[in-house]
Amino acid sequence: MAWRVAYSLDELRNEVNARWPNRNKASDGTIGDPAHAAIPSDHNPNAAGVVCAFDITNDNINGPGSDWLARQFLASPHPDAKYFIWNRQIASKTHGWTVRPYIGSDPHTSHMHVSVGVGPDGASQQPYDDRVAWLRPSPVPPPPPVEDDVTPATLVDNGTFWYFVTAPDKTVWAKAGVDPWFTIGGEAHSGPAAAIDATGRISVVVKGANGELWQCNRVAGAWDQTWTTLGGEIG
C-alpha cells in the first residue's frame, strides 16, 4: 500500500531539521514497524494511506529536547495536533492540553511522539495536512532569575558545559552549552549540585521540601523526571 506522511508532520520535520541540522535522529520515526502494525497506531497508514505520527529524537545537546518541545507546543498548539507523548507524560487536545502521566509500556524517554488529526489511532481524519509552523518565532523564555543566595551548578560532559539552577518557583532548570534552558522539574529548597559518573550518567541533587536529599538522572541522553529520594535530613 502506498503511503505518505501527513503534511503537517512534514512541516514539523523540516522545521526541526533546519533549526538543528546536527540533531540526533536515532529515534526518529514515521511509519511503524511490525509491532505497531499489530495494534491501532497513528504510525500505521489510515484509510487514505496517510501516516499521522512522527517521533522526534530527544536530544538536549545538538537538537530539541522533548521537554523544551513540549513547552513550545503546549504554549501554542498546532491546529492539527492531536496529542504528544514524552518522558512518561501525555497531553492531548481532547483533555484541553493538560499534562498527565503516561502509563504505556514505552516511557517515550528517547523521543517525543506527535500525533495529528482527529479520531481513533490508526484511523485519524483531517485536519492533518495544514502546513502551519510548529515552532513559533517567540521561543519559550528562559527561567526567571535565580535568588541571590542560590548558587548554580555546572559540569562538563564530553566538552559540553551543563548549567543547573533553582528557579524561584522551586523547579530545577538545566542548559547544555548554548541550547535553550529547559526544566527537569522537582521541588528544590536549595541550589542544585551536579556530578557525572564514568558511564556518562549525570545526576542532579537538591534538598527537598521534607529536608531529604532528592535526585534526578540523565541516562543515555534522556532526563528521567521521576525524582527519587536518597533519604537523610539536611539542615
Protein backbone atom coordinates (compact mmCIF):
# COMPACT_ATOMS: atom_id res chain seq x y z
CA MET A 1 0.00 0.00 0.00
CA ALA A 2 1.37 3.39 -0.97
CA TRP A 3 1.61 5.78 1.95
CA ARG A 4 2.78 9.27 2.82
CA VAL A 5 3.34 11.32 5.97
CA ALA A 6 0.77 13.95 6.93
CA TYR A 7 1.85 17.31 5.51
CA SER A 8 1.71 18.95 8.93
CA LEU A 9 4.31 16.43 10.15
CA ASP A 10 6.44 17.06 7.05
CA GLU A 11 6.39 20.71 8.11
CA LEU A 12 7.44 19.80 11.65
CA ARG A 13 10.28 17.57 10.46
CA ASN A 14 11.54 20.26 8.08
CA GLU A 15 11.47 22.87 10.85
CA VAL A 16 13.45 20.84 13.38
CA ASN A 17 15.96 19.70 10.73
CA ALA A 18 16.52 23.28 9.58
CA ARG A 19 16.89 24.63 13.11
CA TRP A 20 19.07 21.77 14.41
CA PRO A 21 20.97 20.38 11.39
CA ASN A 22 23.22 18.26 13.63
CA ARG A 23 20.48 16.84 15.84
CA ASN A 24 20.42 13.16 16.76
CA LYS A 25 17.85 11.28 14.64
CA ALA A 26 18.39 7.81 16.09
CA SER A 27 14.84 7.57 17.46
CA ASP A 28 13.08 9.44 14.65
CA GLY A 29 10.25 7.54 13.00
CA THR A 30 7.09 7.81 10.92
CA ILE A 31 5.59 4.57 9.56
CA GLY A 32 5.51 1.85 12.18
CA ASP A 33 7.35 -1.45 12.42
CA PRO A 34 5.52 -4.83 12.56
CA ALA A 35 4.84 -4.34 16.28
CA HIS A 36 2.99 -1.11 15.51
CA ALA A 37 1.15 -2.74 12.61
CA ALA A 38 -0.40 -5.22 15.03
CA ILE A 39 -2.08 -2.52 17.13
CA PRO A 40 -4.11 0.65 16.47
CA SER A 41 -1.46 3.33 15.96
CA ASP A 42 -1.08 6.60 14.10
CA HIS A 43 2.23 5.16 12.88
CA ASN A 44 0.07 2.94 10.64
CA PRO A 45 -1.41 4.48 7.46
CA ASN A 46 -5.08 5.45 7.71
CA ALA A 47 -7.67 4.57 5.06
CA ALA A 48 -6.25 7.33 2.84
CA GLY A 49 -2.72 5.95 3.17
CA VAL A 50 -1.56 8.79 5.46
CA VAL A 51 0.73 8.24 8.45
CA CYS A 52 -0.32 10.65 11.21
CA ALA A 53 2.53 10.21 13.71
CA PHE A 54 6.13 11.36 13.90
CA ASP A 55 8.70 10.51 16.58
CA ILE A 56 11.34 13.20 17.26
CA THR A 57 14.54 12.09 18.97
CA ASN A 58 15.04 13.61 22.42
CA ASP A 59 18.34 15.47 22.03
CA ASN A 60 19.26 18.07 24.64
CA ILE A 61 22.75 18.53 23.20
CA ASN A 62 22.54 19.13 19.44
CA GLY A 63 18.80 19.26 18.97
CA PRO A 64 15.50 19.90 20.65
CA GLY A 65 14.93 18.17 23.96
CA SER A 66 11.47 16.68 24.45
CA ASP A 67 10.70 18.87 27.46
CA TRP A 68 11.61 22.01 25.52
CA LEU A 69 9.48 20.91 22.56
CA ALA A 70 6.55 20.16 24.85
CA ARG A 71 6.65 23.66 26.32
CA GLN A 72 6.76 25.13 22.82
CA PHE A 73 3.91 23.01 21.51
CA LEU A 74 1.68 23.47 24.56
CA ALA A 75 2.21 27.23 24.65
CA SER A 76 0.60 27.50 21.20
CA PRO A 77 -0.70 24.13 19.93
CA HIS A 78 -0.64 23.47 16.20
CA PRO A 79 -4.20 23.34 14.76
CA ASP A 80 -3.68 19.75 13.56
CA ALA A 81 -2.09 18.41 16.77
CA LYS A 82 -3.93 15.51 18.44
CA TYR A 83 -1.57 14.54 21.27
CA PHE A 84 2.06 14.42 22.39
CA ILE A 85 3.80 11.74 24.48
CA TRP A 86 7.20 12.36 26.07
CA ASN A 87 9.13 11.42 29.22
CA ARG A 88 6.23 9.43 30.76
CA GLN A 89 3.80 12.29 30.10
CA ILE A 90 0.95 12.87 27.65
CA ALA A 91 -1.04 15.93 26.62
CA SER A 92 -3.95 15.82 24.19
CA LYS A 93 -6.47 18.13 22.56
CA THR A 94 -9.34 16.06 23.98
CA HIS A 95 -8.10 16.84 27.53
CA GLY A 96 -7.52 20.54 26.88
CA TRP A 97 -3.75 20.03 26.59
CA THR A 98 -3.47 19.19 30.29
CA VAL A 99 -0.24 17.32 31.01
CA ARG A 100 -0.99 13.89 32.54
CA PRO A 101 1.10 10.84 33.49
CA TYR A 102 1.57 8.34 30.67
CA ILE A 103 1.50 4.70 31.77
CA GLY A 104 2.09 2.92 28.45
CA SER A 105 4.79 0.28 28.12
CA ASP A 106 7.09 2.68 26.24
CA PRO A 107 8.02 5.62 28.50
CA HIS A 108 8.99 7.73 25.46
CA THR A 109 12.21 8.97 27.05
CA SER A 110 14.23 8.56 23.85
CA HIS A 111 11.80 10.54 21.72
CA MET A 112 8.61 12.60 21.63
CA HIS A 113 5.63 11.09 19.83
CA VAL A 114 3.49 13.59 17.91
CA SER A 115 0.07 12.57 16.55
CA VAL A 116 -2.11 14.73 14.30
CA GLY A 117 -5.71 14.64 13.13
CA VAL A 118 -8.87 13.59 14.94
CA GLY A 119 -10.34 10.19 15.68
CA PRO A 120 -9.03 6.79 16.75
CA ASP A 121 -5.34 5.95 16.39
CA GLY A 122 -4.66 4.42 13.01
CA ALA A 123 -7.82 5.99 11.60
CA SER A 124 -7.13 9.68 12.09
CA GLN A 125 -9.08 12.05 9.88
CA GLN A 126 -8.46 15.63 8.79
CA PRO A 127 -7.21 18.11 9.77
CA TYR A 128 -3.69 16.75 9.47
CA ASP A 129 -2.35 18.42 6.30
CA ASP A 130 -2.10 22.09 7.36
CA ARG A 131 1.38 23.44 6.66
CA VAL A 132 1.34 25.78 9.66
CA ALA A 133 4.53 26.47 11.60
CA TRP A 134 5.01 24.43 14.77
CA LEU A 135 7.90 26.44 16.26
CA ARG A 136 6.68 29.96 16.89
CA PRO A 137 9.01 32.95 16.37
CA SER A 138 8.96 33.75 20.10
CA PRO A 139 10.68 30.89 21.95
CA VAL A 140 9.70 29.77 25.40
CA PRO A 141 11.55 32.19 27.72
CA PRO A 142 14.41 31.12 29.98
CA PRO A 143 13.69 30.59 33.66
CA PRO A 144 13.30 33.68 35.82
CA PRO A 145 16.41 34.99 37.58
CA VAL A 146 17.52 32.82 40.47
CA GLU A 147 17.52 34.07 44.02
CA ASP A 148 20.73 35.79 45.14
CA ASP A 149 21.53 33.10 47.70
CA VAL A 150 21.13 30.15 45.30
CA THR A 151 24.36 29.01 43.63
CA PRO A 152 24.12 27.42 40.16
CA ALA A 153 25.85 24.09 39.50
CA THR A 154 27.99 23.28 36.45
CA LEU A 155 29.75 20.28 34.96
CA VAL A 156 31.35 19.25 31.66
CA ASP A 157 30.17 16.28 29.61
CA ASN A 158 32.33 15.44 26.55
CA GLY A 159 33.27 19.08 26.13
CA THR A 160 29.72 20.41 26.66
CA PHE A 161 29.14 22.68 29.64
CA TRP A 162 25.97 21.96 31.60
CA TYR A 163 24.37 24.54 33.88
CA PHE A 164 21.74 23.91 36.58
CA VAL A 165 19.79 26.47 38.60
CA THR A 166 16.87 26.55 41.03
CA ALA A 167 14.20 28.99 39.89
CA PRO A 168 12.02 30.98 42.32
CA ASP A 169 9.13 28.55 41.76
CA LYS A 170 11.41 25.79 43.20
CA THR A 171 11.76 23.88 39.90
CA VAL A 172 15.23 22.95 38.64
CA TRP A 173 16.30 24.17 35.22
CA ALA A 174 19.12 22.90 33.01
CA LYS A 175 21.02 24.18 30.00
CA ALA A 176 23.57 22.46 27.74
CA GLY A 177 26.03 24.83 26.06
CA VAL A 178 24.19 27.46 24.02
CA ASP A 179 20.95 25.47 23.85
CA PRO A 180 17.78 26.89 25.47
CA TRP A 181 17.01 26.38 29.15
CA PHE A 182 14.54 23.61 29.99
CA THR A 183 13.07 22.37 33.26
CA ILE A 184 13.78 18.99 34.80
CA GLY A 185 11.08 19.54 37.41
CA GLY A 186 11.47 18.78 41.09
CA GLU A 187 10.80 20.87 44.16
CA ALA A 188 14.13 22.28 45.30
CA HIS A 189 14.70 24.08 48.57
CA SER A 190 18.37 24.61 47.84
CA GLY A 191 20.67 25.26 44.97
CA PRO A 192 21.40 22.14 42.88
CA ALA A 193 24.54 20.04 42.96
CA ALA A 194 25.55 18.04 39.89
CA ALA A 195 28.00 15.28 39.01
CA ILE A 196 28.76 12.88 36.17
CA ASP A 197 29.99 9.30 36.61
CA ALA A 198 32.18 7.07 34.45
CA THR A 199 29.19 5.81 32.44
CA GLY A 200 28.16 9.33 31.43
CA ARG A 201 25.17 9.46 33.77
CA ILE A 202 24.51 12.99 35.03
CA SER A 203 22.94 13.26 38.48
CA VAL A 204 21.42 16.40 39.98
CA VAL A 205 20.59 16.52 43.69
CA VAL A 206 18.70 19.09 45.76
CA LYS A 207 17.23 19.49 49.22
CA GLY A 208 13.51 18.70 49.05
CA ALA A 209 10.60 20.17 50.97
CA ASN A 210 10.86 17.41 53.59
CA GLY A 211 14.56 18.07 54.21
CA GLU A 212 15.62 14.90 52.41
CA LEU A 213 18.06 14.73 49.51
CA TRP A 214 16.33 14.21 46.13
CA GLN A 215 17.95 13.10 42.87
CA CYS A 216 17.23 13.28 39.13
CA ASN A 217 19.33 11.49 36.49
CA ARG A 218 20.15 11.87 32.82
CA VAL A 219 20.86 8.44 31.32
CA ALA A 220 21.53 7.64 27.65
CA GLY A 221 20.76 11.21 26.62
CA ALA A 222 17.36 11.46 28.34
CA TRP A 223 16.32 13.00 31.65
CA ASP A 224 14.26 10.86 34.00
CA GLN A 225 11.96 13.43 35.56
CA THR A 226 10.81 11.00 38.22
CA TRP A 227 12.78 12.46 41.14
CA THR A 228 13.71 9.93 43.81
CA THR A 229 14.63 10.47 47.44
CA LEU A 230 18.00 9.47 48.84
CA GLY A 231 16.78 9.98 52.39
CA GLY A 232 18.65 11.76 55.11
CA GLU A 233 17.79 15.04 56.79
CA ILE A 234 19.58 18.13 55.53
CA GLY A 235 19.74 21.16 57.78
